């Protein structure tokens, strides 16, 4: 079949001696990829807001209730771990785009 516009070859399968070439419609793939990227950005924003809220809560309770302060600081550390993993993934997507 030659070069088909707006389609991209994603697989070549051999079954019973026949060659089957699988194509995907590129605009649908790009729409899916962009929706996933926007979903990652929304999740990142949510984590940043949650992290800031937990750090502020930890600082507010520092002199009143040490247990609440430690718990908030621990949760903030966990959220920061997730945020760092997400930032790494986001950097991988910007450095090495899919298409």
PDB file of N, CA and C in Angstrom:
ATOM      1  N   UNK A   1       0.837  -1.164   0.000  1.00  0.00           N
ATOM      2  CA  UNK A   1       0.000   0.000   0.000  1.00  0.00           C
ATOM      3  C   UNK A   1       0.869   1.207   0.000  1.00  0.00           C
ATOM      4  N   UNK A   2       1.562   1.788  -0.165  1.00  0.00           N
ATOM      5  CA  UNK A   2       2.391   2.960  -0.131  1.00  0.00           C
ATOM      6  C   UNK A   2       2.193   3.825   1.115  1.00  0.00           C
ATOM      7  N   UNK A   3       2.411   5.075   0.906  1.00  0.00           N
ATOM      8  CA  UNK A   3       2.315   6.019   2.013  1.00  0.00           C
ATOM      9  C   UNK A   3       0.876   6.520   2.125  1.00  0.00           C
ATOM     10  N   UNK A   4       0.223   6.254   3.216  1.00  0.00           N
ATOM     11  CA  UNK A   4      -1.165   6.656   3.420  1.00  0.00           C
ATOM     12  C   UNK A   4      -1.176   7.890   4.321  1.00  0.00           C
ATOM     13  N   UNK A   5      -1.729   9.032   3.854  1.00  0.00           N
ATOM     14  CA  UNK A   5      -1.736  10.226   4.703  1.00  0.00           C
ATOM     15  C   UNK A   5      -2.643  10.034   5.917  1.00  0.00           C
ATOM     16  N   UNK A   6      -2.240  10.599   7.026  1.00  0.00           N
ATOM     17  CA  UNK A   6      -2.967  10.557   8.294  1.00  0.00           C
ATOM     18  C   UNK A   6      -3.031   9.171   8.919  1.00  0.00           C
ATOM     19  N   UNK A   7      -2.289   8.237   8.376  1.00  0.00           N
ATOM     20  CA  UNK A   7      -2.236   6.911   8.978  1.00  0.00           C
ATOM     21  C   UNK A   7      -0.787   6.587   9.289  1.00  0.00           C
ATOM     22  N   UNK A   8      -0.587   5.828  10.331  1.00  0.00           N
ATOM     23  CA  UNK A   8       0.766   5.433  10.714  1.00  0.00           C
ATOM     24  C   UNK A   8       0.782   3.929  10.926  1.00  0.00           C
ATOM     25  N   UNK A   9       1.800   3.285  10.392  1.00  0.00           N
ATOM     26  CA  UNK A   9       1.919   1.839  10.541  1.00  0.00           C
ATOM     27  C   UNK A   9       2.382   1.543  11.966  1.00  0.00           C
ATOM     28  N   UNK A  10       1.627   0.716  12.699  1.00  0.00           N
ATOM     29  CA  UNK A  10       2.018   0.411  14.067  1.00  0.00           C
ATOM     30  C   UNK A  10       2.463  -1.037  14.238  1.00  0.00           C
ATOM     31  N   UNK A  11       2.115  -1.901  13.308  1.00  0.00           N
ATOM     32  CA  UNK A  11       2.509  -3.300  13.473  1.00  0.00           C
ATOM     33  C   UNK A  11       2.444  -4.033  12.144  1.00  0.00           C
ATOM     34  N   UNK A  12       3.315  -5.006  12.017  1.00  0.00           N
ATOM     35  CA  UNK A  12       3.281  -5.933  10.884  1.00  0.00           C
ATOM     36  C   UNK A  12       3.171  -7.324  11.493  1.00  0.00           C
ATOM     37  N   UNK A  13       2.098  -8.016  11.156  1.00  0.00           N
ATOM     38  CA  UNK A  13       1.824  -9.325  11.747  1.00  0.00           C
ATOM     39  C   UNK A  13       1.832 -10.370  10.635  1.00  0.00           C
ATOM     40  N   UNK A  14       2.456 -11.488  10.896  1.00  0.00           N
ATOM     41  CA  UNK A  14       2.471 -12.600   9.947  1.00  0.00           C
ATOM     42  C   UNK A  14       1.593 -13.710  10.511  1.00  0.00           C
ATOM     43  N   UNK A  15       0.533 -14.048   9.763  1.00  0.00           N
ATOM     44  CA  UNK A  15      -0.358 -15.124  10.192  1.00  0.00           C
ATOM     45  C   UNK A  15      -0.612 -16.045   9.009  1.00  0.00           C
ATOM     46  N   UNK A  16      -0.352 -17.310   9.201  1.00  0.00           N
ATOM     47  CA  UNK A  16      -0.602 -18.344   8.191  1.00  0.00           C
ATOM     48  C   UNK A  16       0.033 -17.974   6.847  1.00  0.00           C
ATOM     49  N   UNK A  17       1.224 -17.391   6.912  1.00  0.00           N
ATOM     50  CA  UNK A  17       1.939 -17.058   5.693  1.00  0.00           C
ATOM     51  C   UNK A  17       1.537 -15.746   5.051  1.00  0.00           C
ATOM     52  N   UNK A  18       0.580 -15.051   5.618  1.00  0.00           N
ATOM     53  CA  UNK A  18       0.135 -13.771   5.081  1.00  0.00           C
ATOM     54  C   UNK A  18       0.676 -12.629   5.928  1.00  0.00           C
ATOM     55  N   UNK A  19       0.988 -11.542   5.278  1.00  0.00           N
ATOM     56  CA  UNK A  19       1.476 -10.357   5.980  1.00  0.00           C
ATOM     57  C   UNK A  19       0.305  -9.408   6.199  1.00  0.00           C
ATOM     58  N   UNK A  20       0.067  -9.070   7.456  1.00  0.00           N
ATOM     59  CA  UNK A  20      -1.012  -8.142   7.795  1.00  0.00           C
ATOM     60  C   UNK A  20      -0.372  -6.898   8.388  1.00  0.00           C
ATOM     61  N   UNK A  21      -0.641  -5.757   7.782  1.00  0.00           N
ATOM     62  CA  UNK A  21      -0.088  -4.494   8.275  1.00  0.00           C
ATOM     63  C   UNK A  21      -1.214  -3.748   8.989  1.00  0.00           C
ATOM     64  N   UNK A  22      -0.946  -3.344  10.227  1.00  0.00           N
ATOM     65  CA  UNK A  22      -1.944  -2.651  11.035  1.00  0.00           C
ATOM     66  C   UNK A  22      -1.623  -1.162  11.024  1.00  0.00           C
ATOM     67  N   UNK A  23      -2.604  -0.360  10.627  1.00  0.00           N
ATOM     68  CA  UNK A  23      -2.453   1.089  10.594  1.00  0.00           C
ATOM     69  C   UNK A  23      -3.346   1.702  11.662  1.00  0.00           C
ATOM     70  N   UNK A  24      -2.962   2.890  12.129  1.00  0.00           N
ATOM     71  CA  UNK A  24      -3.797   3.633  13.068  1.00  0.00           C
ATOM     72  C   UNK A  24      -3.992   5.035  12.518  1.00  0.00           C
ATOM     73  N   UNK A  25      -5.160   5.570  12.721  1.00  0.00           N
ATOM     74  CA  UNK A  25      -5.494   6.911  12.270  1.00  0.00           C
ATOM     75  C   UNK A  25      -4.806   7.909  13.200  1.00  0.00           C
ATOM     76  N   UNK A  26      -3.883   8.702  12.689  1.00  0.00           N
ATOM     77  CA  UNK A  26      -3.017   9.574  13.496  1.00  0.00           C
ATOM     78  C   UNK A  26      -3.792  10.628  14.294  1.00  0.00           C
ATOM     79  N   UNK A  27      -4.778  11.329  13.739  1.00  0.00           N
ATOM     80  CA  UNK A  27      -5.487  12.322  14.559  1.00  0.00           C
ATOM     81  C   UNK A  27      -6.123  11.715  15.812  1.00  0.00           C
ATOM     82  N   UNK A  28      -6.642  10.497  15.720  1.00  0.00           N
ATOM     83  CA  UNK A  28      -7.213   9.845  16.906  1.00  0.00           C
ATOM     84  C   UNK A  28      -6.130   9.553  17.922  1.00  0.00           C
ATOM     85  N   UNK A  29      -4.983   9.106  17.455  1.00  0.00           N
ATOM     86  CA  UNK A  29      -3.867   8.823  18.355  1.00  0.00           C
ATOM     87  C   UNK A  29      -3.390  10.095  19.029  1.00  0.00           C
ATOM     88  N   UNK A  30      -3.260  11.181  18.276  1.00  0.00           N
ATOM     89  CA  UNK A  30      -2.806  12.445  18.849  1.00  0.00           C
ATOM     90  C   UNK A  30      -3.804  12.979  19.861  1.00  0.00           C
ATOM     91  N   UNK A  31      -5.107  12.822  19.565  1.00  0.00           N
ATOM     92  CA  UNK A  31      -6.136  13.274  20.507  1.00  0.00           C
ATOM     93  C   UNK A  31      -6.021  12.494  21.812  1.00  0.00           C
ATOM     94  N   UNK A  32      -5.793  11.198  21.719  1.00  0.00           N
ATOM     95  CA  UNK A  32      -5.632  10.357  22.907  1.00  0.00           C
ATOM     96  C   UNK A  32      -4.401  10.778  23.697  1.00  0.00           C
ATOM     97  N   UNK A  33      -3.280  11.016  23.002  1.00  0.00           N
ATOM     98  CA  UNK A  33      -2.034  11.400  23.667  1.00  0.00           C
ATOM     99  C   UNK A  33      -2.197  12.754  24.348  1.00  0.00           C
ATOM    100  N   UNK A  34      -2.806  13.705  23.663  1.00  0.00           N
ATOM    101  CA  UNK A  34      -2.978  15.041  24.237  1.00  0.00           C
ATOM    102  C   UNK A  34      -3.913  15.010  25.436  1.00  0.00           C
ATOM    103  N   UNK A  35      -4.943  14.171  25.403  1.00  0.00           N
ATOM    104  CA  UNK A  35      -5.843  14.094  26.555  1.00  0.00           C
ATOM    105  C   UNK A  35      -5.114  13.488  27.754  1.00  0.00           C
ATOM    106  N   UNK A  36      -4.232  12.519  27.516  1.00  0.00           N
ATOM    107  CA  UNK A  36      -3.444  11.938  28.603  1.00  0.00           C
ATOM    108  C   UNK A  36      -2.476  12.961  29.185  1.00  0.00           C
ATOM    109  N   UNK A  37      -1.858  13.759  28.317  1.00  0.00           N
ATOM    110  CA  UNK A  37      -0.926  14.779  28.792  1.00  0.00           C
ATOM    111  C   UNK A  37      -1.658  15.830  29.613  1.00  0.00           C
ATOM    112  N   UNK A  38      -2.822  16.260  29.157  1.00  0.00           N
ATOM    113  CA  UNK A  38      -3.590  17.244  29.928  1.00  0.00           C
ATOM    114  C   UNK A  38      -4.058  16.640  31.248  1.00  0.00           C
ATOM    115  N   UNK A  39      -4.352  15.356  31.252  1.00  0.00           N
ATOM    116  CA  UNK A  39      -4.729  14.676  32.493  1.00  0.00           C
ATOM    117  C   UNK A  39      -3.545  14.676  33.471  1.00  0.00           C
ATOM    118  N   UNK A  40      -2.349  14.438  32.969  1.00  0.00           N
ATOM    119  CA  UNK A  40      -1.156  14.479  33.819  1.00  0.00           C
ATOM    120  C   UNK A  40      -0.926  15.875  34.381  1.00  0.00           C
ATOM    121  N   UNK A  41      -1.167  16.912  33.581  1.00  0.00           N
ATOM    122  CA  UNK A  41      -0.991  18.282  34.058  1.00  0.00           C
ATOM    123  C   UNK A  41      -2.012  18.629  35.138  1.00  0.00           C
ATOM    124  N   UNK A  42      -3.252  18.177  34.971  1.00  0.00           N
ATOM    125  CA  UNK A  42      -4.268  18.418  36.007  1.00  0.00           C
ATOM    126  C   UNK A  42      -3.891  17.711  37.302  1.00  0.00           C
ATOM    127  N   UNK A  43      -3.411  16.474  37.197  1.00  0.00           N
ATOM    128  CA  UNK A  43      -3.012  15.719  38.375  1.00  0.00           C
ATOM    129  C   UNK A  43      -1.816  16.384  39.064  1.00  0.00           C
ATOM    130  N   UNK A  44      -0.885  16.905  38.261  1.00  0.00           N
ATOM    131  CA  UNK A  44       0.278  17.597  38.824  1.00  0.00           C
ATOM    132  C   UNK A  44      -0.162  18.844  39.595  1.00  0.00           C
ATOM    133  N   UNK A  45      -1.095  19.598  39.023  1.00  0.00           N
ATOM    134  CA  UNK A  45      -1.599  20.797  39.696  1.00  0.00           C
ATOM    135  C   UNK A  45      -2.278  20.421  41.005  1.00  0.00           C
ATOM    136  N   UNK A  46      -3.061  19.352  40.975  1.00  0.00           N
ATOM    137  CA  UNK A  46      -3.727  18.871  42.190  1.00  0.00           C
ATOM    138  C   UNK A  46      -2.705  18.503  43.260  1.00  0.00           C
ATOM    139  N   UNK A  47      -1.650  17.792  42.881  1.00  0.00           N
ATOM    140  CA  UNK A  47      -0.622  17.391  43.841  1.00  0.00           C
ATOM    141  C   UNK A  47       0.124  18.596  44.401  1.00  0.00           C
ATOM    142  N   UNK A  48       0.405  19.577  43.559  1.00  0.00           N
ATOM    143  CA  UNK A  48       1.086  20.782  44.046  1.00  0.00           C
ATOM    144  C   UNK A  48       0.232  21.520  45.069  1.00  0.00           C
ATOM    145  N   UNK A  49      -1.071  21.639  44.798  1.00  0.00           N
ATOM    146  CA  UNK A  49      -1.977  22.295  45.749  1.00  0.00           C
ATOM    147  C   UNK A  49      -2.050  21.514  47.057  1.00  0.00           C
ATOM    148  N   UNK A  50      -2.145  20.206  46.940  1.00  0.00           N
ATOM    149  CA  UNK A  50      -2.209  19.349  48.138  1.00  0.00           C
ATOM    150  C   UNK A  50      -0.917  19.458  48.952  1.00  0.00           C
ATOM    151  N   UNK A  51       0.228  19.464  48.282  1.00  0.00           N
ATOM    152  CA  UNK A  51       1.516  19.579  48.961  1.00  0.00           C
ATOM    153  C   UNK A  51       1.616  20.906  49.714  1.00  0.00           C
ATOM    154  N   UNK A  52       1.257  21.995  49.044  1.00  0.00           N
ATOM    155  CA  UNK A  52       1.319  23.313  49.694  1.00  0.00           C
ATOM    156  C   UNK A  52       0.394  23.381  50.906  1.00  0.00           C
ATOM    157  N   UNK A  53      -0.784  22.805  50.784  1.00  0.00           N
ATOM    158  CA  UNK A  53      -1.745  22.798  51.888  1.00  0.00           C
ATOM    159  C   UNK A  53      -1.200  22.003  53.074  1.00  0.00           C
ATOM    160  N   UNK A  54      -0.594  20.848  52.804  1.00  0.00           N
ATOM    161  CA  UNK A  54      -0.055  20.013  53.880  1.00  0.00           C
ATOM    162  C   UNK A  54       1.150  20.661  54.563  1.00  0.00           C
ATOM    163  N   UNK A  55       2.010  21.299  53.791  1.00  0.00           N
ATOM    164  CA  UNK A  55       3.167  21.985  54.395  1.00  0.00           C
ATOM    165  C   UNK A  55       2.696  23.146  55.259  1.00  0.00           C
ATOM    166  N   UNK A  56       1.711  23.887  54.775  1.00  0.00           N
ATOM    167  CA  UNK A  56       1.166  24.998  55.560  1.00  0.00           C
ATOM    168  C   UNK A  56       0.531  24.485  56.853  1.00  0.00           C
ATOM    169  N   UNK A  57      -0.197  23.377  56.747  1.00  0.00           N
ATOM    170  CA  UNK A  57      -0.818  22.792  57.938  1.00  0.00           C
ATOM    171  C   UNK A  57       0.242  22.322  58.927  1.00  0.00           C
ATOM    172  N   UNK A  58       1.325  21.724  58.421  1.00  0.00           N
ATOM    173  CA  UNK A  58       2.405  21.261  59.299  1.00  0.00           C
ATOM    174  C   UNK A  58       3.041  22.438  60.032  1.00  0.00           C
ATOM    175  N   UNK A  59       3.226  23.552  59.327  1.00  0.00           N
ATOM    176  CA  UNK A  59       3.804  24.731  59.976  1.00  0.00           C
ATOM    177  C   UNK A  59       2.842  25.363  60.976  1.00  0.00           C
ATOM    178  N   UNK A  60       1.543  25.336  60.673  1.00  0.00           N
ATOM    179  CA  UNK A  60       0.556  25.914  61.595  1.00  0.00           C
ATOM    180  C   UNK A  60       0.494  25.143  62.908  1.00  0.00           C
ATOM    181  N   UNK A  61       0.596  23.826  62.823  1.00  0.00           N
ATOM    182  CA  UNK A  61       0.477  22.994  64.018  1.00  0.00           C
ATOM    183  C   UNK A  61       1.820  22.765  64.725  1.00  0.00           C
ATOM    184  N   UNK A  62       2.879  23.377  64.252  1.00  0.00           N
ATOM    185  CA  UNK A  62       4.216  23.094  64.781  1.00  0.00           C
ATOM    186  C   UNK A  62       4.302  23.297  66.297  1.00  0.00           C
ATOM    187  N   UNK A  63       3.700  24.363  66.801  1.00  0.00           N
ATOM    188  CA  UNK A  63       3.812  24.668  68.229  1.00  0.00           C
ATOM    189  C   UNK A  63       2.574  24.260  69.026  1.00  0.00           C
ATOM    190  N   UNK A  64       1.479  23.922  68.346  1.00  0.00           N
ATOM    191  CA  UNK A  64       0.246  23.565  69.041  1.00  0.00           C
ATOM    192  C   UNK A  64       0.144  22.055  69.287  1.00  0.00           C
ATOM    193  N   UNK A  65       0.262  21.287  68.208  1.00  0.00           N
ATOM    194  CA  UNK A  65       0.099  19.831  68.324  1.00  0.00           C
ATOM    195  C   UNK A  65       1.173  19.156  67.470  1.00  0.00           C
ATOM    196  N   UNK A  66       2.177  18.637  68.127  1.00  0.00           N
ATOM    197  CA  UNK A  66       3.313  18.055  67.407  1.00  0.00           C
ATOM    198  C   UNK A  66       2.913  16.844  66.578  1.00  0.00           C
ATOM    199  N   UNK A  67       1.967  16.067  67.081  1.00  0.00           N
ATOM    200  CA  UNK A  67       1.524  14.866  66.364  1.00  0.00           C
ATOM    201  C   UNK A  67       0.872  15.238  65.023  1.00  0.00           C
ATOM    202  N   UNK A  68      -0.027  16.230  65.042  1.00  0.00           N
ATOM    203  CA  UNK A  68      -0.679  16.673  63.800  1.00  0.00           C
ATOM    204  C   UNK A  68       0.338  17.260  62.829  1.00  0.00           C
ATOM    205  N   UNK A  69       1.303  17.997  63.377  1.00  0.00           N
ATOM    206  CA  UNK A  69       2.336  18.588  62.537  1.00  0.00           C
ATOM    207  C   UNK A  69       3.163  17.497  61.860  1.00  0.00           C
ATOM    208  N   UNK A  70       3.575  16.492  62.616  1.00  0.00           N
ATOM    209  CA  UNK A  70       4.371  15.398  62.049  1.00  0.00           C
ATOM    210  C   UNK A  70       3.581  14.617  61.009  1.00  0.00           C
ATOM    211  N   UNK A  71       2.308  14.385  61.282  1.00  0.00           N
ATOM    212  CA  UNK A  71       1.472  13.644  60.345  1.00  0.00           C
ATOM    213  C   UNK A  71       1.324  14.412  59.029  1.00  0.00           C
ATOM    214  N   UNK A  72       1.098  15.716  59.131  1.00  0.00           N
ATOM    215  CA  UNK A  72       0.963  16.534  57.917  1.00  0.00           C
ATOM    216  C   UNK A  72       2.279  16.589  57.142  1.00  0.00           C
ATOM    217  N   UNK A  73       3.389  16.686  57.879  1.00  0.00           N
ATOM    218  CA  UNK A  73       4.693  16.715  57.214  1.00  0.00           C
ATOM    219  C   UNK A  73       4.970  15.385  56.509  1.00  0.00           C
ATOM    220  N   UNK A  74       4.590  14.278  57.145  1.00  0.00           N
ATOM    221  CA  UNK A  74       4.790  12.960  56.529  1.00  0.00           C
ATOM    222  C   UNK A  74       3.955  12.822  55.259  1.00  0.00           C
ATOM    223  N   UNK A  75       2.682  13.248  55.331  1.00  0.00           N
ATOM    224  CA  UNK A  75       1.826  13.190  54.143  1.00  0.00           C
ATOM    225  C   UNK A  75       2.375  14.088  53.038  1.00  0.00           C
ATOM    226  N   UNK A  76       2.915  15.249  53.421  1.00  0.00           N
ATOM    227  CA  UNK A  76       3.490  16.159  52.438  1.00  0.00           C
ATOM    228  C   UNK A  76       4.687  15.502  51.751  1.00  0.00           C
ATOM    229  N   UNK A  77       5.485  14.758  52.510  1.00  0.00           N
ATOM    230  CA  UNK A  77       6.624  14.055  51.909  1.00  0.00           C
ATOM    231  C   UNK A  77       6.155  13.013  50.905  1.00  0.00           C
ATOM    232  N   UNK A  78       5.087  12.288  51.237  1.00  0.00           N
ATOM    233  CA  UNK A  78       4.540  11.290  50.318  1.00  0.00           C
ATOM    234  C   UNK A  78       4.019  11.948  49.033  1.00  0.00           C
ATOM    235  N   UNK A  79       3.319  13.073  49.192  1.00  0.00           N
ATOM    236  CA  UNK A  79       2.801  13.779  48.024  1.00  0.00           C
ATOM    237  C   UNK A  79       3.958  14.314  47.185  1.00  0.00           C
ATOM    238  N   UNK A  80       5.023  14.791  47.838  1.00  0.00           N
ATOM    239  CA  UNK A  80       6.186  15.288  47.112  1.00  0.00           C
ATOM    240  C   UNK A  80       6.854  14.168  46.312  1.00  0.00           C
ATOM    241  N   UNK A  81       6.873  12.954  46.851  1.00  0.00           N
ATOM    242  CA  UNK A  81       7.405  11.803  46.098  1.00  0.00           C
ATOM    243  C   UNK A  81       6.615  11.591  44.814  1.00  0.00           C
ATOM    244  N   UNK A  82       5.293  11.597  44.929  1.00  0.00           N
ATOM    245  CA  UNK A  82       4.441  11.426  43.746  1.00  0.00           C
ATOM    246  C   UNK A  82       4.666  12.559  42.754  1.00  0.00           C
ATOM    247  N   UNK A  83       4.792  13.757  43.283  1.00  0.00           N
ATOM    248  CA  UNK A  83       4.993  14.926  42.429  1.00  0.00           C
ATOM    249  C   UNK A  83       6.317  14.830  41.680  1.00  0.00           C
ATOM    250  N   UNK A  84       7.363  14.378  42.338  1.00  0.00           N
ATOM    251  CA  UNK A  84       8.658  14.226  41.676  1.00  0.00           C
ATOM    252  C   UNK A  84       8.611  13.149  40.598  1.00  0.00           C
ATOM    253  N   UNK A  85       7.900  12.044  40.857  1.00  0.00           N
ATOM    254  CA  UNK A  85       7.752  11.002  39.837  1.00  0.00           C
ATOM    255  C   UNK A  85       7.004  11.541  38.623  1.00  0.00           C
ATOM    256  N   UNK A  86       5.971  12.330  38.900  1.00  0.00           N
ATOM    257  CA  UNK A  86       5.173  12.903  37.819  1.00  0.00           C
ATOM    258  C   UNK A  86       5.986  13.922  37.023  1.00  0.00           C
ATOM    259  N   UNK A  87       6.811  14.719  37.691  1.00  0.00           N
ATOM    260  CA  UNK A  87       7.662  15.684  36.990  1.00  0.00           C
ATOM    261  C   UNK A  87       8.670  14.954  36.107  1.00  0.00           C
ATOM    262  N   UNK A  88       9.202  13.842  36.593  1.00  0.00           N
ATOM    263  CA  UNK A  88      10.140  13.049  35.788  1.00  0.00           C
ATOM    264  C   UNK A  88       9.438  12.524  34.536  1.00  0.00           C
ATOM    265  N   UNK A  89       8.236  12.015  34.697  1.00  0.00           N
ATOM    266  CA  UNK A  89       7.475  11.510  33.560  1.00  0.00           C
ATOM    267  C   UNK A  89       7.166  12.629  32.578  1.00  0.00           C
ATOM    268  N   UNK A  90       6.815  13.793  33.089  1.00  0.00           N
ATOM    269  CA  UNK A  90       6.516  14.940  32.236  1.00  0.00           C
ATOM    270  C   UNK A  90       7.761  15.368  31.464  1.00  0.00           C
ATOM    271  N   UNK A  91       8.930  15.343  32.106  1.00  0.00           N
ATOM    272  CA  UNK A  91      10.177  15.679  31.410  1.00  0.00           C
ATOM    273  C   UNK A  91      10.478  14.664  30.319  1.00  0.00           C
ATOM    274  N   UNK A  92      10.215  13.386  30.593  1.00  0.00           N
ATOM    275  CA  UNK A  92      10.430  12.347  29.576  1.00  0.00           C
ATOM    276  C   UNK A  92       9.527  12.591  28.364  1.00  0.00           C
ATOM    277  N   UNK A  93       8.297  13.011  28.599  1.00  0.00           N
ATOM    278  CA  UNK A  93       7.379  13.253  27.482  1.00  0.00           C
ATOM    279  C   UNK A  93       7.784  14.465  26.667  1.00  0.00           C
ATOM    280  N   UNK A  94       8.329  15.500  27.309  1.00  0.00           N
ATOM    281  CA  UNK A  94       8.722  16.683  26.563  1.00  0.00           C
ATOM    282  C   UNK A  94      10.041  16.485  25.840  1.00  0.00           C
ATOM    283  N   UNK A  95      10.953  15.701  26.418  1.00  0.00           N
ATOM    284  CA  UNK A  95      12.240  15.453  25.784  1.00  0.00           C
ATOM    285  C   UNK A  95      12.100  14.449  24.636  1.00  0.00           C
ATOM    286  N   UNK A  96      11.346  13.381  24.865  1.00  0.00           N
ATOM    287  CA  UNK A  96      11.151  12.330  23.874  1.00  0.00           C
ATOM    288  C   UNK A  96       9.686  12.255  23.484  1.00  0.00           C
ATOM    289  N   UNK A  97       9.207  13.124  22.582  1.00  0.00           N
ATOM    290  CA  UNK A  97       7.804  13.054  22.197  1.00  0.00           C
ATOM    291  C   UNK A  97       7.479  11.733  21.510  1.00  0.00           C
ATOM    292  N   UNK A  98       6.226  11.334  21.610  1.00  0.00           N
ATOM    293  CA  UNK A  98       5.790  10.030  21.094  1.00  0.00           C
ATOM    294  C   UNK A  98       5.882   9.986  19.577  1.00  0.00           C
ATOM    295  N   UNK A  99       5.458  11.013  18.892  1.00  0.00           N
ATOM    296  CA  UNK A  99       5.430  10.988  17.426  1.00  0.00           C
ATOM    297  C   UNK A  99       6.622  11.669  16.846  1.00  0.00           C
TER     298      UNK A  99
END
